[in-house]
């Protein structure tokens, strides 16, 4: 059984570059190219939704030179989506989730244009988690609900899991979360939505990840007995 929604923590770009004695952003450039291939693999495997942990809140504190190079990579890659014929052909909706206001304004503008252009599509969905943190997402959802409650727009007694989910950045649960880079933790990725996601940890750095690794993760997922606490 193929998971409908896969989340991927794109880890290991800097370590990959260090191994090759390159500047850190060279690893991010390799990683961006691998994301382009990932889109093709997911289309071939009929993955409905994909959420990528591309840039965390903690990443905002990266050294300025690396941060600036990362932002330029994002500008270039996201701008390509505006002109990518595959987006229209495959009817892919692109979302950006996180505290986007912390990112450079011109990058925010590009992301808004991409979301606007693809908002009518629903055959496939790709979510980029940018300036994202799982705790921050939960806090922001609580703030939205509290604000509505203070204005009388929502009854406190009506707040349940469904209502809370509707105020998150992403109201969709991943079936499978994959992390590359050899680390065995989720680092705050989709803390609320991923409560029952199956986890797969891959030792390869993200730029080394191949289609066979994705297929192996999916095959492993298909063999698991998902009981959801029952």
Protein backbone atom coordinates (compact mmCIF):
# COMPACT_ATOMS: atom_id res chain seq x y z
CA UNK A 1 0.00 0.00 0.00
CA UNK A 2 1.39 3.38 -1.04
CA UNK A 3 1.12 6.16 1.59
CA UNK A 4 -1.05 9.06 0.50
CA UNK A 5 1.02 11.65 2.33
CA UNK A 6 4.78 11.51 2.89
CA UNK A 7 6.77 13.99 4.96
CA UNK A 8 10.53 14.22 4.45
CA UNK A 9 13.12 15.90 6.67
CA UNK A 10 15.79 16.96 4.16
CA UNK A 11 18.83 16.51 6.37
CA UNK A 12 22.53 16.18 5.64
CA UNK A 13 23.22 18.82 2.99
CA UNK A 14 25.98 20.55 4.95
CA UNK A 15 27.64 17.31 6.05
CA UNK A 16 27.56 16.11 2.45
CA UNK A 17 29.38 19.28 1.36
CA UNK A 18 31.88 18.99 4.21
CA UNK A 19 32.71 15.43 3.20
CA UNK A 20 33.56 16.73 -0.28
CA UNK A 21 35.48 19.68 1.23
CA UNK A 22 33.04 22.18 -0.27
CA UNK A 23 31.31 25.24 1.15
CA UNK A 24 28.07 24.41 3.04
CA UNK A 25 25.80 26.02 0.44
CA UNK A 26 27.15 23.70 -2.23
CA UNK A 27 25.45 20.89 -0.33
CA UNK A 28 22.21 22.88 -0.37
CA UNK A 29 22.52 23.31 -4.13
CA UNK A 30 22.91 19.55 -4.54
CA UNK A 31 19.95 19.07 -2.20
CA UNK A 32 17.77 21.39 -4.30
CA UNK A 33 18.54 19.37 -7.43
CA UNK A 34 17.54 16.21 -5.57
CA UNK A 35 14.18 17.77 -4.63
CA UNK A 36 13.48 18.28 -8.34
CA UNK A 37 14.05 14.57 -8.90
CA UNK A 38 11.91 13.74 -5.88
CA UNK A 39 8.91 15.42 -7.53
CA UNK A 40 9.26 13.07 -10.49
CA UNK A 41 9.58 9.99 -8.29
CA UNK A 42 6.50 10.88 -6.28
CA UNK A 43 4.50 11.46 -9.45
CA UNK A 44 5.58 8.08 -10.81
CA UNK A 45 4.69 6.40 -7.52
CA UNK A 46 1.37 8.26 -7.32
CA UNK A 47 2.04 9.98 -4.01
CA UNK A 48 -0.87 12.35 -3.38
CA UNK A 49 0.79 14.74 -0.93
CA UNK A 50 4.37 15.57 -0.01
CA UNK A 51 5.55 17.80 2.84
CA UNK A 52 9.21 18.83 2.89
CA UNK A 53 11.01 20.19 5.95
CA UNK A 54 13.12 22.65 3.98
CA UNK A 55 14.04 25.37 6.49
CA UNK A 56 13.48 25.39 10.24
CA UNK A 57 13.15 28.30 12.64
CA UNK A 58 16.52 27.29 14.07
CA UNK A 59 18.05 27.65 10.60
CA UNK A 60 17.45 31.40 10.80
CA UNK A 61 20.55 31.59 13.00
CA UNK A 62 22.85 30.11 10.35
CA UNK A 63 25.98 32.18 9.50
CA UNK A 64 25.05 35.15 7.30
CA UNK A 65 26.94 33.94 4.24
CA UNK A 66 25.29 30.54 4.35
CA UNK A 67 21.86 32.08 5.12
CA UNK A 68 22.12 34.46 2.15
CA UNK A 69 23.11 31.62 -0.17
CA UNK A 70 20.22 29.51 1.08
CA UNK A 71 17.76 32.34 0.45
CA UNK A 72 19.10 32.73 -3.07
CA UNK A 73 18.66 29.01 -3.71
CA UNK A 74 15.06 29.23 -2.49
CA UNK A 75 14.41 32.28 -4.68
CA UNK A 76 15.74 30.47 -7.74
CA UNK A 77 14.01 27.15 -7.10
CA UNK A 78 10.62 28.61 -6.15
CA UNK A 79 10.70 31.04 -9.06
CA UNK A 80 11.17 28.05 -11.38
CA UNK A 81 7.85 26.67 -10.14
CA UNK A 82 6.07 29.66 -11.69
CA UNK A 83 7.17 28.50 -15.14
CA UNK A 84 7.33 24.72 -14.70
CA UNK A 85 4.92 23.13 -17.19
CA UNK A 86 4.70 20.00 -15.02
CA UNK A 87 2.89 21.99 -12.32
CA UNK A 88 -0.03 22.68 -14.66
CA UNK A 89 0.12 19.34 -16.45
CA UNK A 90 0.03 17.31 -13.22
CA UNK A 91 -2.22 19.81 -11.41
CA UNK A 92 0.08 20.29 -8.43
CA UNK A 93 -0.86 22.68 -5.65
CA UNK A 94 2.11 24.24 -3.88
CA UNK A 95 1.82 25.45 -0.28
CA UNK A 96 4.35 27.14 2.00
CA UNK A 97 3.82 26.67 5.73
CA UNK A 98 5.58 28.21 8.73
CA UNK A 99 6.31 31.69 10.04
CA UNK A 100 6.86 32.96 6.52
CA UNK A 101 6.97 36.59 7.67
CA UNK A 102 10.44 35.96 9.10
CA UNK A 103 11.84 35.37 5.61
CA UNK A 104 13.07 38.09 3.19
CA UNK A 105 10.17 40.01 1.65
CA UNK A 106 11.09 39.24 -1.94
CA UNK A 107 11.13 35.52 -1.15
CA UNK A 108 7.73 35.87 0.52
CA UNK A 109 6.45 37.53 -2.65
CA UNK A 110 7.62 34.65 -4.81
CA UNK A 111 6.03 32.08 -2.49
CA UNK A 112 2.72 33.97 -2.53
CA UNK A 113 2.77 34.05 -6.34
CA UNK A 114 3.37 30.29 -6.51
CA UNK A 115 0.54 29.56 -4.06
CA UNK A 116 -1.82 31.88 -5.93
CA UNK A 117 -1.00 30.31 -9.29
CA UNK A 118 -1.55 26.73 -8.09
CA UNK A 119 -4.38 27.18 -5.58
CA UNK A 120 -6.98 25.70 -7.93
CA UNK A 121 -5.16 22.38 -8.27
CA UNK A 122 -5.71 19.34 -6.05
CA UNK A 123 -4.49 16.22 -7.88
CA UNK A 124 -1.12 16.47 -6.11
CA UNK A 125 -0.02 18.69 -3.21
CA UNK A 126 3.50 19.76 -2.22
CA UNK A 127 4.00 21.60 1.06
CA UNK A 128 7.28 23.36 1.84
CA UNK A 129 7.85 23.90 5.57
CA UNK A 130 9.76 27.20 5.71
CA UNK A 131 10.80 29.03 8.89
CA UNK A 132 8.91 26.15 10.43
CA UNK A 133 8.81 24.70 13.92
CA UNK A 134 6.31 22.20 15.26
CA UNK A 135 5.97 23.93 18.63
CA UNK A 136 5.59 27.30 16.92
CA UNK A 137 2.81 25.86 14.76
CA UNK A 138 0.91 24.65 17.85
CA UNK A 139 1.42 27.99 19.62
CA UNK A 140 0.24 29.93 16.56
CA UNK A 141 -2.87 27.73 16.29
CA UNK A 142 -3.65 28.30 19.98
CA UNK A 143 -3.26 32.06 19.49
CA UNK A 144 -5.66 32.05 16.53
CA UNK A 145 -8.27 30.14 18.52
CA UNK A 146 -7.82 32.35 21.58
CA UNK A 147 -8.22 35.47 19.42
CA UNK A 148 -11.44 34.15 17.91
CA UNK A 149 -12.73 33.15 21.33
CA UNK A 150 -12.00 36.63 22.72
CA UNK A 151 -14.07 38.14 19.91
CA UNK A 152 -16.91 35.70 20.42
CA UNK A 153 -16.35 34.00 17.06
CA UNK A 154 -15.83 30.58 18.62
CA UNK A 155 -17.34 28.89 21.66
CA UNK A 156 -14.63 27.58 24.00
CA UNK A 157 -16.73 24.48 24.69
CA UNK A 158 -16.74 23.66 20.97
CA UNK A 159 -12.96 23.41 20.74
CA UNK A 160 -11.92 19.85 19.92
CA UNK A 161 -9.22 18.13 17.85
CA UNK A 162 -10.98 18.91 14.57
CA UNK A 163 -11.28 22.61 15.41
CA UNK A 164 -7.66 22.77 16.55
CA UNK A 165 -6.44 21.01 13.38
CA UNK A 166 -8.23 23.58 11.22
CA UNK A 167 -6.07 26.33 12.75
CA UNK A 168 -2.72 24.64 12.14
CA UNK A 169 -0.52 25.57 9.19
CA UNK A 170 -1.34 22.16 7.73
CA UNK A 171 -4.58 20.26 8.27
CA UNK A 172 -3.32 16.97 6.87
CA UNK A 173 -1.72 13.94 8.51
CA UNK A 174 1.39 12.28 7.03
CA UNK A 175 1.27 8.51 6.78
CA UNK A 176 5.05 8.23 6.58
CA UNK A 177 7.85 10.53 7.71
CA UNK A 178 11.33 9.95 6.28
CA UNK A 179 14.47 11.55 7.67
CA UNK A 180 17.76 11.40 5.84
CA UNK A 181 21.20 12.17 7.28
CA UNK A 182 21.43 9.37 9.83
CA UNK A 183 19.80 11.24 12.72
CA UNK A 184 16.97 9.43 14.49
CA UNK A 185 14.67 12.22 15.64
CA UNK A 186 11.97 14.35 14.02
CA UNK A 187 13.25 17.74 15.24
CA UNK A 188 9.82 19.26 15.71
CA UNK A 189 8.50 18.27 12.28
CA UNK A 190 4.69 18.00 12.15
CA UNK A 191 4.45 17.30 15.89
CA UNK A 192 0.66 17.43 15.96
CA UNK A 193 -0.14 15.95 12.55
CA UNK A 194 2.45 13.18 12.78
CA UNK A 195 1.24 11.60 16.01
CA UNK A 196 0.70 8.24 14.30
CA UNK A 197 2.96 8.61 11.28
CA UNK A 198 5.28 5.71 10.56
CA UNK A 199 8.93 6.76 10.82
CA UNK A 200 11.80 5.80 8.54
CA UNK A 201 15.40 6.91 9.15
CA UNK A 202 17.88 6.75 6.28
CA UNK A 203 21.64 6.93 6.83
CA UNK A 204 22.30 8.63 3.49
CA UNK A 205 22.65 12.41 3.34
CA UNK A 206 19.82 14.10 1.45
CA UNK A 207 21.84 14.77 -1.75
CA UNK A 208 22.65 11.02 -1.84
CA UNK A 209 19.00 9.93 -1.57
CA UNK A 210 17.77 7.99 -4.60
CA UNK A 211 14.50 6.64 -5.93
CA UNK A 212 15.41 3.17 -4.64
CA UNK A 213 15.62 4.60 -1.11
CA UNK A 214 12.15 6.08 -1.45
CA UNK A 215 10.78 2.80 -2.80
CA UNK A 216 12.42 0.89 0.06
CA UNK A 217 10.83 3.23 2.60
CA UNK A 218 7.42 2.80 0.98
CA UNK A 219 7.79 -1.00 0.87
CA UNK A 220 8.77 -1.03 4.55
CA UNK A 221 5.75 1.15 5.34
CA UNK A 222 3.45 -1.24 3.45
CA UNK A 223 4.60 -4.15 5.60
CA UNK A 224 3.84 -2.43 8.91
CA UNK A 225 0.68 -3.11 10.89
CA UNK A 226 -0.77 0.33 11.62
CA UNK A 227 -2.98 -0.11 14.68
CA UNK A 228 -3.29 3.56 15.72
CA UNK A 229 -3.22 2.58 19.39
CA UNK A 230 -6.03 0.08 19.03
